[in-house]
Amino acid sequence: MQYTVEFSAAAAEDLQELFDFVLQRELDSAAGDLDTAARALQAIKSGVRFLESSPFACRKVGSSPFHRELIIPFGSSGYVALFEIVDDRTVIIGAVRHQREDDYH
């Protein structure tokens, strides 16, 4: 079964904020790599493609079997995408956070 994966407006904002944060961090670093932000965004997008075929393989969040999270490795940590399986064809990503953030749920 193939699912359509959509980003909510909030998740799209999360992606922009994550990109901006990584870019600024690299600009502030003496040995900064400006490609890191683009690679981080690509890692997230690549990870999300997994949801097109296997959203139920991800860890449940809360009591609903349809609320789940996807761990996306990147560097020494990575990102977490919170999503909902809406129906038998649609997955909506509600938030994307760095794994070290504490305001995820």
PDB file of N, CA and C in Angstrom:
ATOM      1  N   MET A   1       0.841  -1.174   0.000  1.00  0.00           N
ATOM      2  CA  MET A   1       0.000   0.000   0.000  1.00  0.00           C
ATOM      3  C   MET A   1       0.889   1.241   0.000  1.00  0.00           C
ATOM      4  N   GLN A   2       0.531   2.225  -0.758  1.00  0.00           N
ATOM      5  CA  GLN A   2       1.287   3.466  -0.859  1.00  0.00           C
ATOM      6  C   GLN A   2       0.530   4.590  -0.160  1.00  0.00           C
ATOM      7  N   TYR A   3       1.202   5.307   0.714  1.00  0.00           N
ATOM      8  CA  TYR A   3       0.614   6.433   1.434  1.00  0.00           C
ATOM      9  C   TYR A   3       1.125   7.740   0.848  1.00  0.00           C
ATOM     10  N   THR A   4       0.285   8.750   0.888  1.00  0.00           N
ATOM     11  CA  THR A   4       0.694  10.101   0.562  1.00  0.00           C
ATOM     12  C   THR A   4       1.103  10.769   1.862  1.00  0.00           C
ATOM     13  N   VAL A   5       2.287  11.340   1.893  1.00  0.00           N
ATOM     14  CA  VAL A   5       2.798  11.994   3.093  1.00  0.00           C
ATOM     15  C   VAL A   5       2.739  13.500   2.879  1.00  0.00           C
ATOM     16  N   GLU A   6       2.085  14.179   3.806  1.00  0.00           N
ATOM     17  CA  GLU A   6       1.946  15.632   3.728  1.00  0.00           C
ATOM     18  C   GLU A   6       2.520  16.262   4.994  1.00  0.00           C
ATOM     19  N   PHE A   7       3.056  17.466   4.859  1.00  0.00           N
ATOM     20  CA  PHE A   7       3.525  18.231   6.004  1.00  0.00           C
ATOM     21  C   PHE A   7       2.451  19.240   6.384  1.00  0.00           C
ATOM     22  N   SER A   8       2.123  19.304   7.664  1.00  0.00           N
ATOM     23  CA  SER A   8       1.220  20.355   8.130  1.00  0.00           C
ATOM     24  C   SER A   8       1.956  21.689   8.015  1.00  0.00           C
ATOM     25  N   ALA A   9       1.230  22.792   8.121  1.00  0.00           N
ATOM     26  CA  ALA A   9       1.866  24.106   8.076  1.00  0.00           C
ATOM     27  C   ALA A   9       2.891  24.240   9.201  1.00  0.00           C
ATOM     28  N   ALA A  10       2.558  23.723  10.380  1.00  0.00           N
ATOM     29  CA  ALA A  10       3.487  23.794  11.524  1.00  0.00           C
ATOM     30  C   ALA A  10       4.751  22.985  11.249  1.00  0.00           C
ATOM     31  N   ALA A  11       4.612  21.809  10.646  1.00  0.00           N
ATOM     32  CA  ALA A  11       5.777  20.979  10.334  1.00  0.00           C
ATOM     33  C   ALA A  11       6.644  21.637   9.263  1.00  0.00           C
ATOM     34  N   ALA A  12       6.020  22.302   8.301  1.00  0.00           N
ATOM     35  CA  ALA A  12       6.788  23.018   7.278  1.00  0.00           C
ATOM     36  C   ALA A  12       7.585  24.152   7.920  1.00  0.00           C
ATOM     37  N   GLU A  13       6.994  24.840   8.891  1.00  0.00           N
ATOM     38  CA  GLU A  13       7.713  25.876   9.639  1.00  0.00           C
ATOM     39  C   GLU A  13       8.854  25.263  10.430  1.00  0.00           C
ATOM     40  N   ASP A  14       8.616  24.090  11.025  1.00  0.00           N
ATOM     41  CA  ASP A  14       9.681  23.393  11.759  1.00  0.00           C
ATOM     42  C   ASP A  14      10.879  23.132  10.856  1.00  0.00           C
ATOM     43  N   LEU A  15      10.625  22.670   9.628  1.00  0.00           N
ATOM     44  CA  LEU A  15      11.711  22.399   8.691  1.00  0.00           C
ATOM     45  C   LEU A  15      12.521  23.655   8.407  1.00  0.00           C
ATOM     46  N   GLN A  16      11.834  24.768   8.208  1.00  0.00           N
ATOM     47  CA  GLN A  16      12.532  26.030   7.937  1.00  0.00           C
ATOM     48  C   GLN A  16      13.365  26.450   9.147  1.00  0.00           C
ATOM     49  N   GLU A  17      12.799  26.317  10.345  1.00  0.00           N
ATOM     50  CA  GLU A  17      13.532  26.687  11.561  1.00  0.00           C
ATOM     51  C   GLU A  17      14.744  25.789  11.780  1.00  0.00           C
ATOM     52  N   LEU A  18      14.595  24.495  11.531  1.00  0.00           N
ATOM     53  CA  LEU A  18      15.725  23.580  11.675  1.00  0.00           C
ATOM     54  C   LEU A  18      16.829  23.918  10.671  1.00  0.00           C
ATOM     55  N   PHE A  19      16.447  24.192   9.438  1.00  0.00           N
ATOM     56  CA  PHE A  19      17.415  24.578   8.408  1.00  0.00           C
ATOM     57  C   PHE A  19      18.145  25.845   8.825  1.00  0.00           C
ATOM     58  N   ASP A  20      17.388  26.857   9.245  1.00  0.00           N
ATOM     59  CA  ASP A  20      17.987  28.131   9.654  1.00  0.00           C
ATOM     60  C   ASP A  20      18.929  27.959  10.839  1.00  0.00           C
ATOM     61  N   PHE A  21      18.531  27.126  11.810  1.00  0.00           N
ATOM     62  CA  PHE A  21      19.362  26.896  12.990  1.00  0.00           C
ATOM     63  C   PHE A  21      20.693  26.271  12.601  1.00  0.00           C
ATOM     64  N   VAL A  22      20.651  25.220  11.780  1.00  0.00           N
ATOM     65  CA  VAL A  22      21.883  24.541  11.371  1.00  0.00           C
ATOM     66  C   VAL A  22      22.752  25.485  10.541  1.00  0.00           C
ATOM     67  N   LEU A  23      22.141  26.219   9.641  1.00  0.00           N
ATOM     68  CA  LEU A  23      22.892  27.154   8.811  1.00  0.00           C
ATOM     69  C   LEU A  23      23.595  28.202   9.675  1.00  0.00           C
ATOM     70  N   GLN A  24      22.872  28.783  10.623  1.00  0.00           N
ATOM     71  CA  GLN A  24      23.466  29.798  11.495  1.00  0.00           C
ATOM     72  C   GLN A  24      24.590  29.210  12.343  1.00  0.00           C
ATOM     73  N   ARG A  25      24.383  28.000  12.846  1.00  0.00           N
ATOM     74  CA  ARG A  25      25.422  27.335  13.639  1.00  0.00           C
ATOM     75  C   ARG A  25      26.691  27.156  12.814  1.00  0.00           C
ATOM     76  N   GLU A  26      26.530  26.765  11.574  1.00  0.00           N
ATOM     77  CA  GLU A  26      27.697  26.563  10.711  1.00  0.00           C
ATOM     78  C   GLU A  26      28.355  27.891  10.341  1.00  0.00           C
ATOM     79  N   LEU A  27      27.552  28.934  10.141  1.00  0.00           N
ATOM     80  CA  LEU A  27      28.114  30.259   9.850  1.00  0.00           C
ATOM     81  C   LEU A  27      28.923  30.788  11.030  1.00  0.00           C
ATOM     82  N   ASP A  28      28.477  30.470  12.241  1.00  0.00           N
ATOM     83  CA  ASP A  28      29.157  30.939  13.451  1.00  0.00           C
ATOM     84  C   ASP A  28      30.403  30.133  13.792  1.00  0.00           C
ATOM     85  N   SER A  29      30.565  28.999  13.173  1.00  0.00           N
ATOM     86  CA  SER A  29      31.694  28.114  13.450  1.00  0.00           C
ATOM     87  C   SER A  29      32.874  28.461  12.549  1.00  0.00           C
ATOM     88  N   ALA A  30      34.072  28.442  13.124  1.00  0.00           N
ATOM     89  CA  ALA A  30      35.272  28.727  12.338  1.00  0.00           C
ATOM     90  C   ALA A  30      35.472  27.704  11.229  1.00  0.00           C
ATOM     91  N   ALA A  31      35.082  26.469  11.491  1.00  0.00           N
ATOM     92  CA  ALA A  31      35.235  25.404  10.494  1.00  0.00           C
ATOM     93  C   ALA A  31      33.888  24.993   9.923  1.00  0.00           C
ATOM     94  N   GLY A  32      32.956  25.942   9.860  1.00  0.00           N
ATOM     95  CA  GLY A  32      31.599  25.636   9.439  1.00  0.00           C
ATOM     96  C   GLY A  32      31.503  25.086   8.025  1.00  0.00           C
ATOM     97  N   ASP A  33      30.563  24.194   7.847  1.00  0.00           N
ATOM     98  CA  ASP A  33      30.289  23.586   6.548  1.00  0.00           C
ATOM     99  C   ASP A  33      28.879  24.012   6.135  1.00  0.00           C
ATOM    100  N   LEU A  34      28.794  24.911   5.184  1.00  0.00           N
ATOM    101  CA  LEU A  34      27.500  25.465   4.802  1.00  0.00           C
ATOM    102  C   LEU A  34      26.594  24.449   4.129  1.00  0.00           C
ATOM    103  N   ASP A  35      27.132  23.322   3.702  1.00  0.00           N
ATOM    104  CA  ASP A  35      26.308  22.266   3.103  1.00  0.00           C
ATOM    105  C   ASP A  35      25.597  21.418   4.152  1.00  0.00           C
ATOM    106  N   THR A  36      25.981  21.572   5.414  1.00  0.00           N
ATOM    107  CA  THR A  36      25.392  20.749   6.475  1.00  0.00           C
ATOM    108  C   THR A  36      23.884  20.965   6.579  1.00  0.00           C
ATOM    109  N   ALA A  37      23.425  22.200   6.482  1.00  0.00           N
ATOM    110  CA  ALA A  37      21.990  22.484   6.585  1.00  0.00           C
ATOM    111  C   ALA A  37      21.218  21.797   5.469  1.00  0.00           C
ATOM    112  N   ALA A  38      21.739  21.847   4.263  1.00  0.00           N
ATOM    113  CA  ALA A  38      21.076  21.186   3.141  1.00  0.00           C
ATOM    114  C   ALA A  38      21.083  19.672   3.322  1.00  0.00           C
ATOM    115  N   ARG A  39      22.187  19.119   3.829  1.00  0.00           N
ATOM    116  CA  ARG A  39      22.242  17.676   4.066  1.00  0.00           C
ATOM    117  C   ARG A  39      21.265  17.259   5.164  1.00  0.00           C
ATOM    118  N   ALA A  40      21.109  18.087   6.190  1.00  0.00           N
ATOM    119  CA  ALA A  40      20.151  17.781   7.258  1.00  0.00           C
ATOM    120  C   ALA A  40      18.727  17.753   6.711  1.00  0.00           C
ATOM    121  N   LEU A  41      18.384  18.734   5.912  1.00  0.00           N
ATOM    122  CA  LEU A  41      17.056  18.788   5.298  1.00  0.00           C
ATOM    123  C   LEU A  41      16.840  17.590   4.381  1.00  0.00           C
ATOM    124  N   GLN A  42      17.854  17.205   3.635  1.00  0.00           N
ATOM    125  CA  GLN A  42      17.742  16.049   2.754  1.00  0.00           C
ATOM    126  C   GLN A  42      17.574  14.767   3.561  1.00  0.00           C
ATOM    127  N   ALA A  43      18.261  14.653   4.696  1.00  0.00           N
ATOM    128  CA  ALA A  43      18.113  13.472   5.553  1.00  0.00           C
ATOM    129  C   ALA A  43      16.687  13.354   6.069  1.00  0.00           C
ATOM    130  N   ILE A  44      16.092  14.486   6.431  1.00  0.00           N
ATOM    131  CA  ILE A  44      14.708  14.480   6.904  1.00  0.00           C
ATOM    132  C   ILE A  44      13.775  14.040   5.777  1.00  0.00           C
ATOM    133  N   LYS A  45      13.933  14.631   4.613  1.00  0.00           N
ATOM    134  CA  LYS A  45      13.070  14.285   3.483  1.00  0.00           C
ATOM    135  C   LYS A  45      13.239  12.821   3.075  1.00  0.00           C
ATOM    136  N   SER A  46      14.462  12.322   3.113  1.00  0.00           N
ATOM    137  CA  SER A  46      14.697  10.913   2.788  1.00  0.00           C
ATOM    138  C   SER A  46      14.057  10.001   3.826  1.00  0.00           C
ATOM    139  N   GLY A  47      14.184  10.370   5.093  1.00  0.00           N
ATOM    140  CA  GLY A  47      13.579   9.577   6.156  1.00  0.00           C
ATOM    141  C   GLY A  47      12.071   9.523   6.037  1.00  0.00           C
ATOM    142  N   VAL A  48      11.485  10.636   5.687  1.00  0.00           N
ATOM    143  CA  VAL A  48      10.027  10.730   5.568  1.00  0.00           C
ATOM    144  C   VAL A  48       9.510   9.831   4.447  1.00  0.00           C
ATOM    145  N   ARG A  49      10.309   9.583   3.448  1.00  0.00           N
ATOM    146  CA  ARG A  49       9.875   8.693   2.353  1.00  0.00           C
ATOM    147  C   ARG A  49       9.542   7.283   2.857  1.00  0.00           C
ATOM    148  N   PHE A  50      10.152   6.885   3.963  1.00  0.00           N
ATOM    149  CA  PHE A  50       9.847   5.590   4.575  1.00  0.00           C
ATOM    150  C   PHE A  50       8.359   5.488   4.908  1.00  0.00           C
ATOM    151  N   LEU A  51       7.751   6.625   5.275  1.00  0.00           N
ATOM    152  CA  LEU A  51       6.339   6.636   5.663  1.00  0.00           C
ATOM    153  C   LEU A  51       5.407   6.349   4.491  1.00  0.00           C
ATOM    154  N   GLU A  52       5.890   6.515   3.275  1.00  0.00           N
ATOM    155  CA  GLU A  52       5.058   6.235   2.105  1.00  0.00           C
ATOM    156  C   GLU A  52       4.667   4.762   2.029  1.00  0.00           C
ATOM    157  N   SER A  53       5.470   3.902   2.621  1.00  0.00           N
ATOM    158  CA  SER A  53       5.177   2.476   2.545  1.00  0.00           C
ATOM    159  C   SER A  53       4.956   1.808   3.898  1.00  0.00           C
ATOM    160  N   SER A  54       5.523   2.363   4.969  1.00  0.00           N
ATOM    161  CA  SER A  54       5.495   1.632   6.248  1.00  0.00           C
ATOM    162  C   SER A  54       5.255   2.506   7.474  1.00  0.00           C
ATOM    163  N   PRO A  55       4.230   3.321   7.498  1.00  0.00           N
ATOM    164  CA  PRO A  55       4.048   4.182   8.668  1.00  0.00           C
ATOM    165  C   PRO A  55       3.748   3.419   9.957  1.00  0.00           C
ATOM    166  N   PHE A  56       3.128   2.244   9.846  1.00  0.00           N
ATOM    167  CA  PHE A  56       2.803   1.485  11.051  1.00  0.00           C
ATOM    168  C   PHE A  56       4.037   0.823  11.675  1.00  0.00           C
ATOM    169  N   ALA A  57       5.170   0.857  10.992  1.00  0.00           N
ATOM    170  CA  ALA A  57       6.407   0.294  11.542  1.00  0.00           C
ATOM    171  C   ALA A  57       7.060   1.226  12.558  1.00  0.00           C
ATOM    172  N   CYS A  58       6.582   2.460  12.648  1.00  0.00           N
ATOM    173  CA  CYS A  58       7.166   3.441  13.560  1.00  0.00           C
ATOM    174  C   CYS A  58       6.554   3.324  14.953  1.00  0.00           C
ATOM    175  N   ARG A  59       7.272   3.849  15.913  1.00  0.00           N
ATOM    176  CA  ARG A  59       6.872   3.773  17.314  1.00  0.00           C
ATOM    177  C   ARG A  59       5.609   4.581  17.590  1.00  0.00           C
ATOM    178  N   LYS A  60       4.679   3.976  18.360  1.00  0.00           N
ATOM    179  CA  LYS A  60       3.441   4.666  18.743  1.00  0.00           C
ATOM    180  C   LYS A  60       3.748   5.762  19.758  1.00  0.00           C
ATOM    181  N   VAL A  61       2.927   6.809  19.704  1.00  0.00           N
ATOM    182  CA  VAL A  61       3.026   7.912  20.644  1.00  0.00           C
ATOM    183  C   VAL A  61       1.656   8.085  21.288  1.00  0.00           C
ATOM    184  N   GLY A  62       1.576   7.950  22.579  1.00  0.00           N
ATOM    185  CA  GLY A  62       0.294   8.092  23.253  1.00  0.00           C
ATOM    186  C   GLY A  62      -0.566   6.853  23.099  1.00  0.00           C
ATOM    187  N   SER A  63      -1.852   7.021  23.311  1.00  0.00           N
ATOM    188  CA  SER A  63      -2.757   5.871  23.318  1.00  0.00           C
ATOM    189  C   SER A  63      -3.340   5.522  21.948  1.00  0.00           C
ATOM    190  N   SER A  64      -3.257   6.426  21.005  1.00  0.00           N
ATOM    191  CA  SER A  64      -3.810   6.153  19.683  1.00  0.00           C
ATOM    192  C   SER A  64      -2.824   5.344  18.840  1.00  0.00           C
ATOM    193  N   PRO A  65      -3.294   4.310  18.175  1.00  0.00           N
ATOM    194  CA  PRO A  65      -2.392   3.556  17.297  1.00  0.00           C
ATOM    195  C   PRO A  65      -2.037   4.315  16.016  1.00  0.00           C
ATOM    196  N   PHE A  66      -2.664   5.455  15.798  1.00  0.00           N
ATOM    197  CA  PHE A  66      -2.440   6.225  14.581  1.00  0.00           C
ATOM    198  C   PHE A  66      -1.496   7.405  14.775  1.00  0.00           C
ATOM    199  N   HIS A  67      -1.121   7.701  16.004  1.00  0.00           N
ATOM    200  CA  HIS A  67      -0.143   8.752  16.296  1.00  0.00           C
ATOM    201  C   HIS A  67       1.198   8.081  16.532  1.00  0.00           C
ATOM    202  N   ARG A  68       2.181   8.443  15.714  1.00  0.00           N
ATOM    203  CA  ARG A  68       3.469   7.758  15.753  1.00  0.00           C
ATOM    204  C   ARG A  68       4.599   8.746  15.543  1.00  0.00           C
ATOM    205  N   GLU A  69       5.818   8.248  15.747  1.00  0.00           N
ATOM    206  CA  GLU A  69       6.985   9.089  15.512  1.00  0.00           C
ATOM    207  C   GLU A  69       8.039   8.311  14.739  1.00  0.00           C
ATOM    208  N   LEU A  70       8.712   9.033  13.884  1.00  0.00           N
ATOM    209  CA  LEU A  70       9.760   8.487  13.041  1.00  0.00           C
ATOM    210  C   LEU A  70      11.085   9.074  13.494  1.00  0.00           C
ATOM    211  N   ILE A  71      12.053   8.218  13.798  1.00  0.00           N
ATOM    212  CA  ILE A  71      13.399   8.651  14.146  1.00  0.00           C
ATOM    213  C   ILE A  71      14.197   8.769  12.852  1.00  0.00           C
ATOM    214  N   ILE A  72      14.839   9.918  12.657  1.00  0.00           N
ATOM    215  CA  ILE A  72      15.604  10.178  11.444  1.00  0.00           C
ATOM    216  C   ILE A  72      17.054  10.453  11.846  1.00  0.00           C
ATOM    217  N   PRO A  73      17.939   9.505  11.619  1.00  0.00           N
ATOM    218  CA  PRO A  73      19.341   9.710  12.006  1.00  0.00           C
ATOM    219  C   PRO A  73      20.016  10.789  11.171  1.00  0.00           C
ATOM    220  N   PHE A  74      20.867  11.576  11.833  1.00  0.00           N
ATOM    221  CA  PHE A  74      21.701  12.552  11.135  1.00  0.00           C
ATOM    222  C   PHE A  74      22.847  12.943  12.059  1.00  0.00           C
ATOM    223  N   GLY A  75      24.041  12.736  11.616  1.00  0.00           N
ATOM    224  CA  GLY A  75      25.201  13.060  12.437  1.00  0.00           C
ATOM    225  C   GLY A  75      25.217  12.224  13.704  1.00  0.00           C
ATOM    226  N   SER A  76      25.558  12.860  14.821  1.00  0.00           N
ATOM    227  CA  SER A  76      25.646  12.135  16.089  1.00  0.00           C
ATOM    228  C   SER A  76      24.297  11.994  16.783  1.00  0.00           C
ATOM    229  N   SER A  77      23.266  12.620  16.262  1.00  0.00           N
ATOM    230  CA  SER A  77      21.914  12.473  16.840  1.00  0.00           C
ATOM    231  C   SER A  77      20.913  12.339  15.706  1.00  0.00           C
ATOM    232  N   GLY A  78      20.085  13.334  15.479  1.00  0.00           N
ATOM    233  CA  GLY A  78      19.126  13.261  14.384  1.00  0.00           C
ATOM    234  C   GLY A  78      17.869  14.033  14.693  1.00  0.00           C
ATOM    235  N   TYR A  79      16.790  13.630  14.046  1.00  0.00           N
ATOM    236  CA  TYR A  79      15.520  14.329  14.132  1.00  0.00           C
ATOM    237  C   TYR A  79      14.403  13.342  14.434  1.00  0.00           C
ATOM    238  N   VAL A  80      13.267  13.877  14.859  1.00  0.00           N
ATOM    239  CA  VAL A  80      12.082  13.073  15.139  1.00  0.00           C
ATOM    240  C   VAL A  80      10.908  13.754  14.452  1.00  0.00           C
ATOM    241  N   ALA A  81      10.153  12.978  13.691  1.00  0.00           N
ATOM    242  CA  ALA A  81       8.946  13.498  13.033  1.00  0.00           C
ATOM    243  C   ALA A  81       7.728  12.872  13.704  1.00  0.00           C
ATOM    244  N   LEU A  82       6.864  13.691  14.243  1.00  0.00           N
ATOM    245  CA  LEU A  82       5.604  13.247  14.831  1.00  0.00           C
ATOM    246  C   LEU A  82       4.558  13.265  13.722  1.00  0.00           C
ATOM    247  N   PHE A  83       3.839  12.150  13.559  1.00  0.00           N
ATOM    248  CA  PHE A  83       2.871  12.092  12.467  1.00  0.00           C
ATOM    249  C   PHE A  83       1.625  11.332  12.875  1.00  0.00           C
ATOM    250  N   GLU A  84       0.593  11.501  12.049  1.00  0.00           N
ATOM    251  CA  GLU A  84      -0.673  10.800  12.245  1.00  0.00           C
ATOM    252  C   GLU A  84      -1.026  10.074  10.953  1.00  0.00           C
ATOM    253  N   ILE A  85      -1.442   8.835  11.095  1.00  0.00           N
ATOM    254  CA  ILE A  85      -1.963   8.075   9.967  1.00  0.00           C
ATOM    255  C   ILE A  85      -3.447   8.401   9.914  1.00  0.00           C
ATOM    256  N   VAL A  86      -3.840   9.196   8.933  1.00  0.00           N
ATOM    257  CA  VAL A  86      -5.193   9.736   8.863  1.00  0.00           C
ATOM    258  C   VAL A  86      -6.187   8.708   8.328  1.00  0.00           C
ATOM    259  N   ASP A  87      -5.788   8.010   7.277  1.00  0.00           N
ATOM    260  CA  ASP A  87      -6.635   6.973   6.686  1.00  0.00           C
ATOM    261  C   ASP A  87      -5.736   5.989   5.954  1.00  0.00           C
ATOM    262  N   ASP A  88      -6.303   5.150   5.129  1.00  0.00           N
ATOM    263  CA  ASP A  88      -5.502   4.115   4.471  1.00  0.00           C
ATOM    264  C   ASP A  88      -4.652   4.630   3.313  1.00  0.00           C
ATOM    265  N   ARG A  89      -4.628   5.956   3.132  1.00  0.00           N
ATOM    266  CA  ARG A  89      -3.827   6.549   2.067  1.00  0.00           C
ATOM    267  C   ARG A  89      -3.028   7.766   2.479  1.00  0.00           C
ATOM    268  N   THR A  90      -3.268   8.310   3.692  1.00  0.00           N
ATOM    269  CA  THR A  90      -2.704   9.611   4.037  1.00  0.00           C
ATOM    270  C   THR A  90      -1.998   9.606   5.387  1.00  0.00           C
ATOM    271  N   VAL A  91      -0.811  10.176   5.379  1.00  0.00           N
ATOM    272  CA  VAL A  91      -0.040  10.415   6.596  1.00  0.00           C
ATOM    273  C   VAL A  91       0.246  11.915   6.646  1.00  0.00           C
ATOM    274  N   ILE A  92      -0.007  12.522   7.802  1.00  0.00           N
ATOM    275  CA  ILE A  92       0.274  13.947   7.953  1.00  0.00           C
ATOM    276  C   ILE A  92       1.315  14.124   9.048  1.00  0.00           C
ATOM    277  N   ILE A  93       2.400  14.792   8.696  1.00  0.00           N
ATOM    278  CA  ILE A  93       3.445  15.096   9.662  1.00  0.00           C
ATOM    279  C   ILE A  93       3.054  16.377  10.373  1.00  0.00           C
ATOM    280  N   GLY A  94       2.970  16.292  11.691  1.00  0.00           N
ATOM    281  CA  GLY A  94       2.534  17.434  12.486  1.00  0.00           C
ATOM    282  C   GLY A  94       3.663  18.260  13.058  1.00  0.00           C
ATOM    283  N   ALA A  95       4.838  17.648  13.243  1.00  0.00           N
ATOM    284  CA  ALA A  95       5.972  18.357  13.820  1.00  0.00           C
ATOM    285  C   ALA A  95       7.258  17.617  13.478  1.00  0.00           C
ATOM    286  N   VAL A  96       8.334  18.385  13.378  1.00  0.00           N
ATOM    287  CA  VAL A  96       9.665  17.817  13.191  1.00  0.00           C
ATOM    288  C   VAL A  96      10.581  18.546  14.157  1.00  0.00           C
ATOM    289  N   ARG A  97      11.306  17.772  14.968  1.00  0.00           N
ATOM    290  CA  ARG A  97      12.185  18.357  15.975  1.00  0.00           C
ATOM    291  C   ARG A  97      13.536  17.668  15.950  1.00  0.00           C
ATOM    292  N   HIS A  98      14.524  18.376  16.461  1.00  0.00           N
ATOM    293  CA  HIS A  98      15.821  17.746  16.702  1.00  0.00           C
ATOM    294  C   HIS A  98      15.648  16.821  17.900  1.00  0.00           C
ATOM    295  N   GLN A  99      16.350  15.711  17.915  1.00  0.00           N
ATOM    296  CA  GLN A  99      16.186  14.733  18.995  1.00  0.00           C
ATOM    297  C   GLN A  99      16.531  15.300  20.365  1.00  0.00           C
ATOM    298  N   ARG A 100      17.326  16.329  20.420  1.00  0.00           N
ATOM    299  CA  ARG A 100      17.727  16.899  21.715  1.00  0.00           C
ATOM    300  C   ARG A 100      16.749  17.960  22.227  1.00  0.00           C
ATOM    301  N   GLU A 101      15.773  18.331  21.445  1.00  0.00           N
ATOM    302  CA  GLU A 101      14.766  19.295  21.911  1.00  0.00           C
ATOM    303  C   GLU A 101      13.862  18.614  22.935  1.00  0.00           C
ATOM    304  N   ASP A 102      13.360  19.385  23.886  1.00  0.00           N
ATOM    305  CA  ASP A 102      12.528  18.777  24.918  1.00  0.00           C
ATOM    306  C   ASP A 102      11.057  19.186  24.847  1.00  0.00           C
ATOM    307  N   ASP A 103      10.662  19.965  23.857  1.00  0.00           N
ATOM    308  CA  ASP A 103       9.263  20.418  23.756  1.00  0.00           C
ATOM    309  C   ASP A 103       8.526  19.711  22.631  1.00  0.00           C
ATOM    310  N   TYR A 104       8.851  18.461  22.424  1.00  0.00           N
ATOM    311  CA  TYR A 104       8.350  17.754  21.250  1.00  0.00           C
ATOM    312  C   TYR A 104       6.876  17.395  21.344  1.00  0.00           C
ATOM    313  N   HIS A 105       6.441  16.765  22.431  1.00  0.00           N
ATOM    314  CA  HIS A 105       5.062  16.255  22.528  1.00  0.00           C
ATOM    315  C   HIS A 105       4.112  17.304  23.030  1.00  0.00           C
TER     316      HIS A 105
END
